[in-house]
Amino acid sequence: MIRTILFLLFTALLSHTSAMSQNTPCRSDEVTLAFAGTAVEQARCLLRPNAIG
């Protein structure tokens, strides 16, 4: 019983943090009009999963 409650609490917290990260825009450099970071960081930000639908 306690394991189930802890599991549900953990998954709720985990889903909340991933939902919050989806609401933040990808970093960009306004001078060069390009995304900031390495190519891998850009891909992670731009290709992150969404919870729509």
C-alpha atoms as a PDB file:
ATOM      1  CA  MET A   1       0.000   0.000   0.000  1.00  0.00           C
ATOM      2  CA  ILE A   2       2.705   2.481   0.966  1.00  0.00           C
ATOM      3  CA  ARG A   3       4.736   1.547  -2.119  1.00  0.00           C
ATOM      4  CA  THR A   4       1.742   2.344  -4.308  1.00  0.00           C
ATOM      5  CA  ILE A   5       1.243   5.729  -2.676  1.00  0.00           C
ATOM      6  CA  LEU A   6       4.940   6.583  -2.997  1.00  0.00           C
ATOM      7  CA  PHE A   7       4.940   5.496  -6.641  1.00  0.00           C
ATOM      8  CA  LEU A   8       1.906   7.658  -7.426  1.00  0.00           C
ATOM      9  CA  LEU A   9       3.433  10.625  -5.631  1.00  0.00           C
ATOM     10  CA  PHE A  10       6.718  10.178  -7.490  1.00  0.00           C
ATOM     11  CA  THR A  11       5.041   9.944 -10.904  1.00  0.00           C
ATOM     12  CA  ALA A  12       2.910  13.002 -10.154  1.00  0.00           C
ATOM     13  CA  LEU A  13       6.000  15.036  -9.255  1.00  0.00           C
ATOM     14  CA  LEU A  14       7.878  13.752 -12.280  1.00  0.00           C
ATOM     15  CA  SER A  15       5.081  14.631 -14.682  1.00  0.00           C
ATOM     16  CA  HIS A  16       4.760  18.097 -13.154  1.00  0.00           C
ATOM     17  CA  THR A  17       8.421  18.937 -13.767  1.00  0.00           C
ATOM     18  CA  SER A  18       8.299  17.724 -17.362  1.00  0.00           C
ATOM     19  CA  ALA A  19       5.146  19.747 -17.987  1.00  0.00           C
ATOM     20  CA  MET A  20       6.817  22.846 -16.579  1.00  0.00           C
ATOM     21  CA  SER A  21       9.820  22.414 -18.852  1.00  0.00           C
ATOM     22  CA  GLN A  22       7.515  22.350 -21.864  1.00  0.00           C
ATOM     23  CA  ASN A  23       6.176  25.783 -20.983  1.00  0.00           C
ATOM     24  CA  THR A  24       9.557  27.482 -21.222  1.00  0.00           C
ATOM     25  CA  PRO A  25      10.802  28.666 -24.612  1.00  0.00           C
ATOM     26  CA  CYS A  26      14.094  27.478 -26.043  1.00  0.00           C
ATOM     27  CA  ARG A  27      16.991  29.847 -25.378  1.00  0.00           C
ATOM     28  CA  SER A  28      17.865  32.089 -28.288  1.00  0.00           C
ATOM     29  CA  ASP A  29      20.348  34.793 -29.130  1.00  0.00           C
ATOM     30  CA  GLU A  30      18.439  37.911 -30.153  1.00  0.00           C
ATOM     31  CA  VAL A  31      21.445  39.481 -31.893  1.00  0.00           C
ATOM     32  CA  THR A  32      22.130  36.611 -34.295  1.00  0.00           C
ATOM     33  CA  LEU A  33      18.512  35.366 -34.311  1.00  0.00           C
ATOM     34  CA  ALA A  34      19.718  31.818 -33.652  1.00  0.00           C
ATOM     35  CA  PHE A  35      19.056  29.291 -30.927  1.00  0.00           C
ATOM     36  CA  ALA A  36      21.647  29.303 -28.163  1.00  0.00           C
ATOM     37  CA  GLY A  37      23.626  26.253 -27.147  1.00  0.00           C
ATOM     38  CA  THR A  38      25.227  23.335 -28.922  1.00  0.00           C
ATOM     39  CA  ALA A  39      23.480  21.439 -31.685  1.00  0.00           C
ATOM     40  CA  VAL A  40      22.521  18.688 -29.225  1.00  0.00           C
ATOM     41  CA  GLU A  41      21.059  21.188 -26.721  1.00  0.00           C
ATOM     42  CA  GLN A  42      19.077  22.852 -29.501  1.00  0.00           C
ATOM     43  CA  ALA A  43      17.704  19.514 -30.692  1.00  0.00           C
ATOM     44  CA  ARG A  44      16.711  18.491 -27.163  1.00  0.00           C
ATOM     45  CA  CYS A  45      14.805  21.718 -26.690  1.00  0.00           C
ATOM     46  CA  LEU A  46      13.141  21.816 -30.088  1.00  0.00           C
ATOM     47  CA  LEU A  47      12.245  18.114 -30.188  1.00  0.00           C
ATOM     48  CA  ARG A  48      10.979  17.775 -26.611  1.00  0.00           C
ATOM     49  CA  PRO A  49       7.704  15.877 -26.263  1.00  0.00           C
ATOM     50  CA  ASN A  50       4.478  17.756 -25.747  1.00  0.00           C
ATOM     51  CA  ALA A  51       1.331  16.749 -23.908  1.00  0.00           C
ATOM     52  CA  ILE A  52      -1.174  18.173 -26.369  1.00  0.00           C
ATOM     53  CA  GLY A  53      -3.955  15.815 -27.353  1.00  0.00           C
END
